[in-house]
PDB file of N, CA and C in Angstrom:
ATOM      1  N   GLN A   1     114.630  80.622 115.571  1.00  0.00           N
ATOM      2  CA  GLN A   1     113.647  81.605 116.024  1.00  0.00           C
ATOM      3  C   GLN A   1     113.958  82.952 115.364  1.00  0.00           C
ATOM      4  N   VAL A   2     112.961  83.523 114.718  1.00  0.00           N
ATOM      5  CA  VAL A   2     113.115  84.815 114.072  1.00  0.00           C
ATOM      6  C   VAL A   2     112.429  85.869 114.928  1.00  0.00           C
ATOM      7  N   GLN A   3     113.139  86.939 115.164  1.00  0.00           N
ATOM      8  CA  GLN A   3     112.572  88.045 115.922  1.00  0.00           C
ATOM      9  C   GLN A   3     112.069  89.111 114.963  1.00  0.00           C
ATOM     10  N   LEU A   4     110.873  89.602 115.228  1.00  0.00           N
ATOM     11  CA  LEU A   4     110.289  90.681 114.438  1.00  0.00           C
ATOM     12  C   LEU A   4     109.973  91.829 115.390  1.00  0.00           C
ATOM     13  N   VAL A   5     110.486  92.993 115.101  1.00  0.00           N
ATOM     14  CA  VAL A   5     110.282  94.148 115.965  1.00  0.00           C
ATOM     15  C   VAL A   5     109.603  95.256 115.181  1.00  0.00           C
ATOM     16  N   GLU A   6     108.376  95.568 115.569  1.00  0.00           N
ATOM     17  CA  GLU A   6     107.622  96.630 114.896  1.00  0.00           C
ATOM     18  C   GLU A   6     107.857  97.965 115.579  1.00  0.00           C
ATOM     19  N   SER A   7     107.711  99.005 114.807  1.00  0.00           N
ATOM     20  CA  SER A   7     107.784 100.361 115.335  1.00  0.00           C
ATOM     21  C   SER A   7     107.008 101.281 114.411  1.00  0.00           C
ATOM     22  N   GLY A   8     106.750 102.487 114.893  1.00  0.00           N
ATOM     23  CA  GLY A   8     106.111 103.488 114.052  1.00  0.00           C
ATOM     24  C   GLY A   8     104.654 103.756 114.346  1.00  0.00           C
ATOM     25  N   GLY A   9     104.076 102.984 115.255  1.00  0.00           N
ATOM     26  CA  GLY A   9     102.685 103.231 115.599  1.00  0.00           C
ATOM     27  C   GLY A   9     102.538 104.514 116.407  1.00  0.00           C
ATOM     28  N   GLY A  10     101.296 104.904 116.611  1.00  0.00           N
ATOM     29  CA  GLY A  10     101.052 106.100 117.397  1.00  0.00           C
ATOM     30  C   GLY A  10      99.666 106.632 117.197  1.00  0.00           C
ATOM     31  N   LEU A  11      99.480 107.857 117.640  1.00  0.00           N
ATOM     32  CA  LEU A  11      98.195 108.540 117.537  1.00  0.00           C
ATOM     33  C   LEU A  11      98.251 109.535 116.386  1.00  0.00           C
ATOM     34  N   VAL A  12      97.253 109.460 115.524  1.00  0.00           N
ATOM     35  CA  VAL A  12      97.214 110.355 114.373  1.00  0.00           C
ATOM     36  C   VAL A  12      95.765 110.775 114.137  1.00  0.00           C
ATOM     37  N   GLN A  13      95.582 111.921 113.563  1.00  0.00           N
ATOM     38  CA  GLN A  13      94.233 112.388 113.272  1.00  0.00           C
ATOM     39  C   GLN A  13      93.711 111.748 111.987  1.00  0.00           C
ATOM     40  N   ASP A  14      92.416 111.733 111.889  1.00  0.00           N
ATOM     41  CA  ASP A  14      91.753 111.252 110.683  1.00  0.00           C
ATOM     42  C   ASP A  14      92.331 111.962 109.454  1.00  0.00           C
ATOM     43  N   GLY A  15      92.690 111.171 108.453  1.00  0.00           N
ATOM     44  CA  GLY A  15      93.288 111.725 107.247  1.00  0.00           C
ATOM     45  C   GLY A  15      94.808 111.805 107.283  1.00  0.00           C
ATOM     46  N   GLY A  16      95.394 111.489 108.413  1.00  0.00           N
ATOM     47  CA  GLY A  16      96.841 111.566 108.554  1.00  0.00           C
ATOM     48  C   GLY A  16      97.573 110.352 108.011  1.00  0.00           C
ATOM     49  N   SER A  17      98.880 110.345 108.211  1.00  0.00           N
ATOM     50  CA  SER A  17      99.726 109.270 107.701  1.00  0.00           C
ATOM     51  C   SER A  17     100.657 108.746 108.785  1.00  0.00           C
ATOM     52  N   LEU A  18     101.014 107.494 108.638  1.00  0.00           N
ATOM     53  CA  LEU A  18     102.008 106.855 109.493  1.00  0.00           C
ATOM     54  C   LEU A  18     102.773 105.846 108.656  1.00  0.00           C
ATOM     55  N   ARG A  19     104.005 105.566 109.074  1.00  0.00           N
ATOM     56  CA  ARG A  19     104.753 104.492 108.446  1.00  0.00           C
ATOM     57  C   ARG A  19     105.194 103.510 109.525  1.00  0.00           C
ATOM     58  N   LEU A  20     104.778 102.290 109.388  1.00  0.00           N
ATOM     59  CA  LEU A  20     105.188 101.230 110.300  1.00  0.00           C
ATOM     60  C   LEU A  20     106.413 100.521 109.731  1.00  0.00           C
ATOM     61  N   SER A  21     107.282 100.103 110.626  1.00  0.00           N
ATOM     62  CA  SER A  21     108.469  99.351 110.235  1.00  0.00           C
ATOM     63  C   SER A  21     108.508  98.027 110.989  1.00  0.00           C
ATOM     64  N   CYS A  22     109.032  97.016 110.342  1.00  0.00           N
ATOM     65  CA  CYS A  22     109.204  95.710 110.965  1.00  0.00           C
ATOM     66  C   CYS A  22     110.609  95.235 110.644  1.00  0.00           C
ATOM     67  N   ALA A  23     111.442  95.204 111.655  1.00  0.00           N
ATOM     68  CA  ALA A  23     112.821  94.753 111.474  1.00  0.00           C
ATOM     69  C   ALA A  23     112.910  93.275 111.836  1.00  0.00           C
ATOM     70  N   ALA A  24     113.452  92.489 110.910  1.00  0.00           N
ATOM     71  CA  ALA A  24     113.556  91.043 111.107  1.00  0.00           C
ATOM     72  C   ALA A  24     114.989  90.657 111.454  1.00  0.00           C
ATOM     73  N   SER A  25     115.101  89.619 112.296  1.00  0.00           N
ATOM     74  CA  SER A  25     116.435  89.163 112.684  1.00  0.00           C
ATOM     75  C   SER A  25     117.028  88.222 111.642  1.00  0.00           C
ATOM     76  N   ASP A  26     116.218  87.801 110.661  1.00  0.00           N
ATOM     77  CA  ASP A  26     116.686  86.958 109.576  1.00  0.00           C
ATOM     78  C   ASP A  26     116.666  87.774 108.295  1.00  0.00           C
ATOM     79  N   SER A  27     117.403  87.343 107.327  1.00  0.00           N
ATOM     80  CA  SER A  27     117.414  88.040 106.052  1.00  0.00           C
ATOM     81  C   SER A  27     116.049  87.955 105.395  1.00  0.00           C
ATOM     82  N   THR A  28     115.531  89.088 104.978  1.00  0.00           N
ATOM     83  CA  THR A  28     114.222  89.085 104.340  1.00  0.00           C
ATOM     84  C   THR A  28     114.264  88.399 102.977  1.00  0.00           C
ATOM     85  N   PHE A  29     115.476  88.158 102.471  1.00  0.00           N
ATOM     86  CA  PHE A  29     115.594  87.385 101.236  1.00  0.00           C
ATOM     87  C   PHE A  29     115.067  85.974 101.426  1.00  0.00           C
ATOM     88  N   THR A  30     115.257  85.446 102.637  1.00  0.00           N
ATOM     89  CA  THR A  30     114.917  84.050 102.893  1.00  0.00           C
ATOM     90  C   THR A  30     113.498  83.870 103.417  1.00  0.00           C
ATOM     91  N   ILE A  31     112.842  84.960 103.768  1.00  0.00           N
ATOM     92  CA  ILE A  31     111.468  84.874 104.275  1.00  0.00           C
ATOM     93  C   ILE A  31     110.522  84.904 103.079  1.00  0.00           C
ATOM     94  N   ASN A  32     109.722  83.876 102.927  1.00  0.00           N
ATOM     95  CA  ASN A  32     108.904  83.757 101.719  1.00  0.00           C
ATOM     96  C   ASN A  32     107.838  84.852 101.625  1.00  0.00           C
ATOM     97  N   VAL A  33     107.153  85.089 102.720  1.00  0.00           N
ATOM     98  CA  VAL A  33     106.099  86.101 102.721  1.00  0.00           C
ATOM     99  C   VAL A  33     106.189  86.901 104.011  1.00  0.00           C
ATOM    100  N   MET A  34     106.151  88.201 103.880  1.00  0.00           N
ATOM    101  CA  MET A  34     106.039  89.052 105.063  1.00  0.00           C
ATOM    102  C   MET A  34     104.754  89.846 104.950  1.00  0.00           C
ATOM    103  N   GLY A  35     104.113  89.997 106.077  1.00  0.00           N
ATOM    104  CA  GLY A  35     102.823  90.668 106.027  1.00  0.00           C
ATOM    105  C   GLY A  35     102.557  91.509 107.257  1.00  0.00           C
ATOM    106  N   TRP A  36     101.588  92.352 107.104  1.00  0.00           N
ATOM    107  CA  TRP A  36     101.053  93.151 108.201  1.00  0.00           C
ATOM    108  C   TRP A  36      99.604  92.729 108.442  1.00  0.00           C
ATOM    109  N   TYR A  37      99.311  92.455 109.691  1.00  0.00           N
ATOM    110  CA  TYR A  37      97.969  92.126 110.116  1.00  0.00           C
ATOM    111  C   TYR A  37      97.546  93.167 111.153  1.00  0.00           C
ATOM    112  N   ARG A  38      96.260  93.236 111.404  1.00  0.00           N
ATOM    113  CA  ARG A  38      95.799  94.127 112.469  1.00  0.00           C
ATOM    114  C   ARG A  38      94.634  93.481 113.214  1.00  0.00           C
ATOM    115  N   GLN A  39      94.513  93.916 114.448  1.00  0.00           N
ATOM    116  CA  GLN A  39      93.419  93.423 115.286  1.00  0.00           C
ATOM    117  C   GLN A  39      92.842  94.585 116.080  1.00  0.00           C
ATOM    118  N   ALA A  40      91.597  94.875 115.799  1.00  0.00           N
ATOM    119  CA  ALA A  40      90.880  95.917 116.520  1.00  0.00           C
ATOM    120  C   ALA A  40      90.186  95.285 117.728  1.00  0.00           C
ATOM    121  N   PRO A  41      89.872  96.071 118.735  1.00  0.00           N
ATOM    122  CA  PRO A  41      89.205  95.525 119.925  1.00  0.00           C
ATOM    123  C   PRO A  41      87.926  94.797 119.570  1.00  0.00           C
ATOM    124  N   GLY A  42      87.797  93.581 120.056  1.00  0.00           N
ATOM    125  CA  GLY A  42      86.593  92.801 119.826  1.00  0.00           C
ATOM    126  C   GLY A  42      86.497  92.173 118.454  1.00  0.00           C
ATOM    127  N   LYS A  43      87.547  92.307 117.646  1.00  0.00           N
ATOM    128  CA  LYS A  43      87.513  91.757 116.297  1.00  0.00           C
ATOM    129  C   LYS A  43      88.641  90.753 116.105  1.00  0.00           C
ATOM    130  N   GLN A  44      88.489  89.940 115.071  1.00  0.00           N
ATOM    131  CA  GLN A  44      89.536  88.982 114.749  1.00  0.00           C
ATOM    132  C   GLN A  44      90.696  89.673 114.039  1.00  0.00           C
ATOM    133  N   ARG A  45      91.846  89.059 114.160  1.00  0.00           N
ATOM    134  CA  ARG A  45      93.014  89.569 113.442  1.00  0.00           C
ATOM    135  C   ARG A  45      92.790  89.382 111.940  1.00  0.00           C
ATOM    136  N   GLU A  46      93.135  90.401 111.175  1.00  0.00           N
ATOM    137  CA  GLU A  46      92.923  90.347 109.727  1.00  0.00           C
ATOM    138  C   GLU A  46      94.176  90.765 108.981  1.00  0.00           C
ATOM    139  N   LEU A  47      94.307  90.209 107.787  1.00  0.00           N
ATOM    140  CA  LEU A  47      95.428  90.568 106.935  1.00  0.00           C
ATOM    141  C   LEU A  47      95.220  91.972 106.372  1.00  0.00           C
ATOM    142  N   VAL A  48      96.243  92.785 106.449  1.00  0.00           N
ATOM    143  CA  VAL A  48      96.206  94.124 105.865  1.00  0.00           C
ATOM    144  C   VAL A  48      96.924  94.140 104.524  1.00  0.00           C
ATOM    145  N   ALA A  49      98.146  93.629 104.512  1.00  0.00           N
ATOM    146  CA  ALA A  49      98.941  93.611 103.293  1.00  0.00           C
ATOM    147  C   ALA A  49     100.049  92.574 103.445  1.00  0.00           C
ATOM    148  N   ARG A  50     100.490  92.041 102.311  1.00  0.00           N
ATOM    149  CA  ARG A  50     101.605  91.105 102.360  1.00  0.00           C
ATOM    150  C   ARG A  50     102.460  91.290 101.125  1.00  0.00           C
ATOM    151  N   ILE A  51     103.723  90.852 101.257  1.00  0.00           N
ATOM    152  CA  ILE A  51     104.660  90.962 100.152  1.00  0.00           C
ATOM    153  C   ILE A  51     105.510  89.701 100.126  1.00  0.00           C
ATOM    154  N   THR A  52     105.672  89.134  98.957  1.00  0.00           N
ATOM    155  CA  THR A  52     106.463  87.921  98.829  1.00  0.00           C
ATOM    156  C   THR A  52     107.937  88.266  98.625  1.00  0.00           C
ATOM    157  N   SER A  53     108.764  87.241  98.696  1.00  0.00           N
ATOM    158  CA  SER A  53     110.189  87.457  98.481  1.00  0.00           C
ATOM    159  C   SER A  53     110.456  87.945  97.060  1.00  0.00           C
ATOM    160  N   GLY A  54     109.523  87.651  96.154  1.00  0.00           N
ATOM    161  CA  GLY A  54     109.662  88.128  94.787  1.00  0.00           C
ATOM    162  C   GLY A  54     109.111  89.518  94.564  1.00  0.00           C
ATOM    163  N   GLY A  55     108.531  90.100  95.617  1.00  0.00           N
ATOM    164  CA  GLY A  55     108.031  91.462  95.502  1.00  0.00           C
ATOM    165  C   GLY A  55     106.564  91.586  95.157  1.00  0.00           C
ATOM    166  N   ASN A  56     105.872  90.462  95.044  1.00  0.00           N
ATOM    167  CA  ASN A  56     104.439  90.529  94.764  1.00  0.00           C
ATOM    168  C   ASN A  56     103.684  90.975  96.016  1.00  0.00           C
ATOM    169  N   THR A  57     102.714  91.841  95.826  1.00  0.00           N
ATOM    170  CA  THR A  57     101.973  92.390  96.953  1.00  0.00           C
ATOM    171  C   THR A  57     100.486  92.096  96.852  1.00  0.00           C
ATOM    172  N   ALA A  58      99.841  92.124  97.997  1.00  0.00           N
ATOM    173  CA  ALA A  58      98.388  91.966  98.063  1.00  0.00           C
ATOM    174  C   ALA A  58      97.879  92.788  99.227  1.00  0.00           C
ATOM    175  N   TYR A  59      96.666  93.317  99.070  1.00  0.00           N
ATOM    176  CA  TYR A  59      96.094  94.201 100.084  1.00  0.00           C
ATOM    177  C   TYR A  59      94.649  93.828 100.392  1.00  0.00           C
ATOM    178  N   ALA A  60      94.257  94.118 101.612  1.00  0.00           N
ATOM    179  CA  ALA A  60      92.844  94.026 101.952  1.00  0.00           C
ATOM    180  C   ALA A  60      92.107  95.113 101.180  1.00  0.00           C
ATOM    181  N   ASP A  61      90.882  94.835 100.791  1.00  0.00           N
ATOM    182  CA  ASP A  61      90.110  95.814 100.021  1.00  0.00           C
ATOM    183  C   ASP A  61      89.980  97.138 100.773  1.00  0.00           C
ATOM    184  N   SER A  62      89.892  97.061 102.072  1.00  0.00           N
ATOM    185  CA  SER A  62      89.649  98.264 102.871  1.00  0.00           C
ATOM    186  C   SER A  62      90.827  99.235 102.882  1.00  0.00           C
ATOM    187  N   VAL A  63      92.012  98.764 102.474  1.00  0.00           N
ATOM    188  CA  VAL A  63      93.190  99.643 102.510  1.00  0.00           C
ATOM    189  C   VAL A  63      93.782  99.907 101.136  1.00  0.00           C
ATOM    190  N   LYS A  64      93.226  99.292 100.116  1.00  0.00           N
ATOM    191  CA  LYS A  64      93.763  99.493  98.764  1.00  0.00           C
ATOM    192  C   LYS A  64      93.714 100.957  98.390  1.00  0.00           C
ATOM    193  N   GLY A  65      94.824 101.423  97.831  1.00  0.00           N
ATOM    194  CA  GLY A  65      94.916 102.814  97.428  1.00  0.00           C
ATOM    195  C   GLY A  65      95.351 103.745  98.540  1.00  0.00           C
ATOM    196  N   ARG A  66      95.379 103.242  99.761  1.00  0.00           N
ATOM    197  CA  ARG A  66      95.792 104.080 100.896  1.00  0.00           C
ATOM    198  C   ARG A  66      97.069 103.565 101.551  1.00  0.00           C
ATOM    199  N   PHE A  67      97.254 102.258 101.567  1.00  0.00           N
ATOM    200  CA  PHE A  67      98.418 101.656 102.222  1.00  0.00           C
ATOM    201  C   PHE A  67      99.352 101.060 101.168  1.00  0.00           C
ATOM    202  N   THR A  68     100.639 101.089 101.470  1.00  0.00           N
ATOM    203  CA  THR A  68     101.627 100.480 100.591  1.00  0.00           C
ATOM    204  C   THR A  68     102.614  99.677 101.434  1.00  0.00           C
ATOM    205  N   ILE A  69     102.797  98.421 101.066  1.00  0.00           N
ATOM    206  CA  ILE A  69     103.785  97.584 101.740  1.00  0.00           C
ATOM    207  C   ILE A  69     105.033  97.517 100.873  1.00  0.00           C
ATOM    208  N   SER A  70     106.182  97.549 101.518  1.00  0.00           N
ATOM    209  CA  SER A  70     107.440  97.468 100.788  1.00  0.00           C
ATOM    210  C   SER A  70     108.481  96.788 101.682  1.00  0.00           C
ATOM    211  N   ARG A  71     109.552  96.382 101.066  1.00  0.00           N
ATOM    212  CA  ARG A  71     110.605  95.734 101.842  1.00  0.00           C
ATOM    213  C   ARG A  71     111.964  96.250 101.402  1.00  0.00           C
ATOM    214  N   ASP A  72     112.866  96.396 102.357  1.00  0.00           N
ATOM    215  CA  ASP A  72     114.241  96.783 102.091  1.00  0.00           C
ATOM    216  C   ASP A  72     115.101  95.607 102.545  1.00  0.00           C
ATOM    217  N   ASN A  73     115.492  94.780 101.605  1.00  0.00           N
ATOM    218  CA  ASN A  73     116.231  93.571 101.955  1.00  0.00           C
ATOM    219  C   ASN A  73     117.614  93.888 102.532  1.00  0.00           C
ATOM    220  N   ALA A  74     118.164  95.016 102.179  1.00  0.00           N
ATOM    221  CA  ALA A  74     119.476  95.387 102.726  1.00  0.00           C
ATOM    222  C   ALA A  74     119.378  95.661 104.227  1.00  0.00           C
ATOM    223  N   LYS A  75     118.194  96.088 104.663  1.00  0.00           N
ATOM    224  CA  LYS A  75     117.984  96.396 106.086  1.00  0.00           C
ATOM    225  C   LYS A  75     117.144  95.334 106.785  1.00  0.00           C
ATOM    226  N   ASN A  76     116.762  94.287 106.041  1.00  0.00           N
ATOM    227  CA  ASN A  76     115.900  93.238 106.614  1.00  0.00           C
ATOM    228  C   ASN A  76     114.661  93.840 107.265  1.00  0.00           C
ATOM    229  N   THR A  77     114.062  94.768 106.557  1.00  0.00           N
ATOM    230  CA  THR A  77     112.945  95.522 107.116  1.00  0.00           C
ATOM    231  C   THR A  77     111.800  95.595 106.108  1.00  0.00           C
ATOM    232  N   VAL A  78     110.600  95.466 106.635  1.00  0.00           N
ATOM    233  CA  VAL A  78     109.394  95.638 105.841  1.00  0.00           C
ATOM    234  C   VAL A  78     108.648  96.852 106.377  1.00  0.00           C
ATOM    235  N   TYR A  79     108.072  97.611 105.475  1.00  0.00           N
ATOM    236  CA  TYR A  79     107.381  98.836 105.852  1.00  0.00           C
ATOM    237  C   TYR A  79     105.908  98.756 105.454  1.00  0.00           C
ATOM    238  N   LEU A  80     105.106  99.502 106.176  1.00  0.00           N
ATOM    239  CA  LEU A  80     103.716  99.716 105.778  1.00  0.00           C
ATOM    240  C   LEU A  80     103.466 101.217 105.834  1.00  0.00           C
ATOM    241  N   GLN A  81     103.408 101.820 104.673  1.00  0.00           N
ATOM    242  CA  GLN A  81     103.104 103.246 104.590  1.00  0.00           C
ATOM    243  C   GLN A  81     101.597 103.398 104.538  1.00  0.00           C
ATOM    244  N   MET A  82     101.067 104.178 105.453  1.00  0.00           N
ATOM    245  CA  MET A  82      99.617 104.337 105.562  1.00  0.00           C
ATOM    246  C   MET A  82      99.257 105.801 105.363  1.00  0.00           C
ATOM    247  N   HIS A  83      98.421 106.053 104.389  1.00  0.00           N
ATOM    248  CA  HIS A  83      97.940 107.405 104.116  1.00  0.00           C
ATOM    249  C   HIS A  83      96.432 107.449 104.287  1.00  0.00           C
ATOM    250  N   ASN A  84      95.914 108.676 104.436  1.00  0.00           N
ATOM    251  CA  ASN A  84      94.475 108.878 104.553  1.00  0.00           C
ATOM    252  C   ASN A  84      93.868 107.935 105.593  1.00  0.00           C
ATOM    253  N   LEU A  85      94.474 107.935 106.755  1.00  0.00           N
ATOM    254  CA  LEU A  85      94.014 107.026 107.811  1.00  0.00           C
ATOM    255  C   LEU A  85      92.616 107.393 108.283  1.00  0.00           C
ATOM    256  N   LYS A  86      91.864 106.352 108.610  1.00  0.00           N
ATOM    257  CA  LYS A  86      90.497 106.522 109.066  1.00  0.00           C
ATOM    258  C   LYS A  86      90.361 105.938 110.470  1.00  0.00           C
ATOM    259  N   HIS A  87      89.322 106.349 111.145  1.00  0.00           N
ATOM    260  CA  HIS A  87      89.110 105.865 112.506  1.00  0.00           C
ATOM    261  C   HIS A  87      89.058 104.337 112.536  1.00  0.00           C
ATOM    262  N   GLU A  88      88.474 103.752 111.509  1.00  0.00           N
ATOM    263  CA  GLU A  88      88.351 102.290 111.484  1.00  0.00           C
ATOM    264  C   GLU A  88      89.679 101.577 111.254  1.00  0.00           C
ATOM    265  N   ASP A  89      90.751 102.318 111.010  1.00  0.00           N
ATOM    266  CA  ASP A  89      92.081 101.709 110.914  1.00  0.00           C
ATOM    267  C   ASP A  89      92.709 101.523 112.292  1.00  0.00           C
ATOM    268  N   THR A  90      92.048 102.046 113.299  1.00  0.00           N
ATOM    269  CA  THR A  90      92.556 101.895 114.655  1.00  0.00           C
ATOM    270  C   THR A  90      92.637 100.423 115.033  1.00  0.00           C
ATOM    271  N   ALA A  91      93.832 100.005 115.447  1.00  0.00           N
ATOM    272  CA  ALA A  91      94.059  98.594 115.776  1.00  0.00           C
ATOM    273  C   ALA A  91      95.493  98.421 116.244  1.00  0.00           C
ATOM    274  N   VAL A  92      95.781  97.233 116.730  1.00  0.00           N
ATOM    275  CA  VAL A  92      97.167  96.836 116.939  1.00  0.00           C
ATOM    276  C   VAL A  92      97.632  96.167 115.652  1.00  0.00           C
ATOM    277  N   TYR A  93      98.738  96.622 115.130  1.00  0.00           N
ATOM    278  CA  TYR A  93      99.271  96.115 113.876  1.00  0.00           C
ATOM    279  C   TYR A  93     100.440  95.166 114.173  1.00  0.00           C
ATOM    280  N   TYR A  94     100.371  93.997 113.562  1.00  0.00           N
ATOM    281  CA  TYR A  94     101.362  92.952 113.796  1.00  0.00           C
ATOM    282  C   TYR A  94     102.104  92.624 112.504  1.00  0.00           C
ATOM    283  N   CYS A  95     103.371  92.427 112.643  1.00  0.00           N
ATOM    284  CA  CYS A  95     104.202  91.960 111.539  1.00  0.00           C
ATOM    285  C   CYS A  95     104.247  90.436 111.565  1.00  0.00           C
ATOM    286  N   ASN A  96     104.253  89.839 110.395  1.00  0.00           N
ATOM    287  CA  ASN A  96     104.251  88.387 110.277  1.00  0.00           C
ATOM    288  C   ASN A  96     105.272  87.948 109.230  1.00  0.00           C
ATOM    289  N   ALA A  97     105.973  86.870 109.535  1.00  0.00           N
ATOM    290  CA  ALA A  97     106.935  86.292 108.585  1.00  0.00           C
ATOM    291  C   ALA A  97     106.609  84.818 108.401  1.00  0.00           C
ATOM    292  N   LYS A  98     106.509  84.403 107.135  1.00  0.00           N
ATOM    293  CA  LYS A  98     106.164  83.016 106.845  1.00  0.00           C
ATOM    294  C   LYS A  98     107.231  82.361 105.997  1.00  0.00           C
ATOM    295  N   TYR A  99     107.570  81.125 106.395  1.00  0.00           N
ATOM    296  CA  TYR A  99     108.461  80.286 105.620  1.00  0.00           C
ATOM    297  C   TYR A  99     107.647  79.130 105.063  1.00  0.00           C
ATOM    298  N   VAL A 100     107.646  79.000 103.765  1.00  0.00           N
ATOM    299  CA  VAL A 100     106.874  77.935 103.141  1.00  0.00           C
ATOM    300  C   VAL A 100     107.415  76.570 103.558  1.00  0.00           C
ATOM    301  N   LEU A 101     108.756  76.449 103.558  1.00  0.00           N
ATOM    302  CA  LEU A 101     109.378  75.190 103.947  1.00  0.00           C
ATOM    303  C   LEU A 101     109.166  74.984 105.440  1.00  0.00           C
ATOM    304  N   GLY A 102     108.442  73.972 105.770  1.00  0.00           N
ATOM    305  CA  GLY A 102     108.146  73.707 107.171  1.00  0.00           C
ATOM    306  C   GLY A 102     106.903  74.401 107.675  1.00  0.00           C
ATOM    307  N   ASP A 103     106.299  75.245 106.821  1.00  0.00           N
ATOM    308  CA  ASP A 103     105.071  75.952 107.195  1.00  0.00           C
ATOM    309  C   ASP A 103     105.242  76.625 108.560  1.00  0.00           C
ATOM    310  N   ILE A 104     106.250  77.458 108.657  1.00  0.00           N
ATOM    311  CA  ILE A 104     106.565  78.120 109.923  1.00  0.00           C
ATOM    312  C   ILE A 104     106.261  79.599 109.785  1.00  0.00           C
ATOM    313  N   GLU A 105     105.736  80.179 110.844  1.00  0.00           N
ATOM    314  CA  GLU A 105     105.511  81.615 110.835  1.00  0.00           C
ATOM    315  C   GLU A 105     105.848  82.211 112.201  1.00  0.00           C
ATOM    316  N   TYR A 106     106.172  83.476 112.171  1.00  0.00           N
ATOM    317  CA  TYR A 106     106.537  84.224 113.365  1.00  0.00           C
ATOM    318  C   TYR A 106     105.748  85.525 113.394  1.00  0.00           C
ATOM    319  N   TRP A 107     105.543  86.016 114.618  1.00  0.00           N
ATOM    320  CA  TRP A 107     104.805  87.261 114.819  1.00  0.00           C
ATOM    321  C   TRP A 107     105.622  88.241 115.637  1.00  0.00           C
ATOM    322  N   GLY A 108     105.432  89.497 115.331  1.00  0.00           N
ATOM    323  CA  GLY A 108     105.993  90.532 116.170  1.00  0.00           C
ATOM    324  C   GLY A 108     105.088  90.783 117.363  1.00  0.00           C
ATOM    325  N   GLN A 109     105.492  91.719 118.198  1.00  0.00           N
ATOM    326  CA  GLN A 109     104.742  91.990 119.421  1.00  0.00           C
ATOM    327  C   GLN A 109     103.576  92.951 119.193  1.00  0.00           C
ATOM    328  N   GLY A 110     103.574  93.599 118.061  1.00  0.00           N
ATOM    329  CA  GLY A 110     102.489  94.522 117.728  1.00  0.00           C
ATOM    330  C   GLY A 110     102.813  95.960 118.049  1.00  0.00           C
ATOM    331  N   THR A 111     102.220  96.843 117.274  1.00  0.00           N
ATOM    332  CA  THR A 111     102.354  98.273 117.519  1.00  0.00           C
ATOM    333  C   THR A 111     100.974  98.906 117.372  1.00  0.00           C
ATOM    334  N   GLN A 112     100.631  99.765 118.299  1.00  0.00           N
ATOM    335  CA  GLN A 112      99.289 100.344 118.347  1.00  0.00           C
ATOM    336  C   GLN A 112      99.183 101.537 117.404  1.00  0.00           C
ATOM    337  N   VAL A 113      98.109 101.542 116.628  1.00  0.00           N
ATOM    338  CA  VAL A 113      97.765 102.685 115.793  1.00  0.00           C
ATOM    339  C   VAL A 113      96.387 103.175 116.233  1.00  0.00           C
ATOM    340  N   ILE A 114      96.312 104.441 116.561  1.00  0.00           N
ATOM    341  CA  ILE A 114      95.043 105.042 116.962  1.00  0.00           C
ATOM    342  C   ILE A 114      94.778 106.235 116.052  1.00  0.00           C
ATOM    343  N   VAL A 115      93.632 106.195 115.398  1.00  0.00           N
ATOM    344  CA  VAL A 115      93.239 107.282 114.510  1.00  0.00           C
ATOM    345  C   VAL A 115      92.056 107.997 115.151  1.00  0.00           C
ATOM    346  N   SER A 116      92.278 109.240 115.490  1.00  0.00           N
ATOM    347  CA  SER A 116      91.221 109.998 116.142  1.00  0.00           C
ATOM    348  C   SER A 116      90.358 110.680 115.101  1.00  0.00           C
ATOM    349  N   SER A 117      89.061 110.608 115.303  1.00  0.00           N
ATOM    350  CA  SER A 117      88.123 111.202 114.331  1.00  0.00           C
ATOM    351  C   SER A 117      87.765 112.621 114.738  1.00  0.00           C
TER     352      SER A 117
END
């Protein structure tokens, strides 16, 4: 069982910035893909950004150029730096870890981001 603990959410004004952190109980070297998802009220959970163990990244079109995902393997932590936040970024943000072998994934408990317009 891998534990994922998110932090860094909060209330920010439109145009502001936040950095989310996800600390994993397993070495991020061994986690094939780590990602950030979000779920707004009344909407389905969606992928925001992901990063592979090799450092390859992918982003949702809605956040490209504004969000950056990164990982610090020495700290077993993945970050989501968010700039130029918009009201529509308001959601609960979840950290996700996927292991290709066994097709196993884990979720964090989520951290709330509220962007006031």
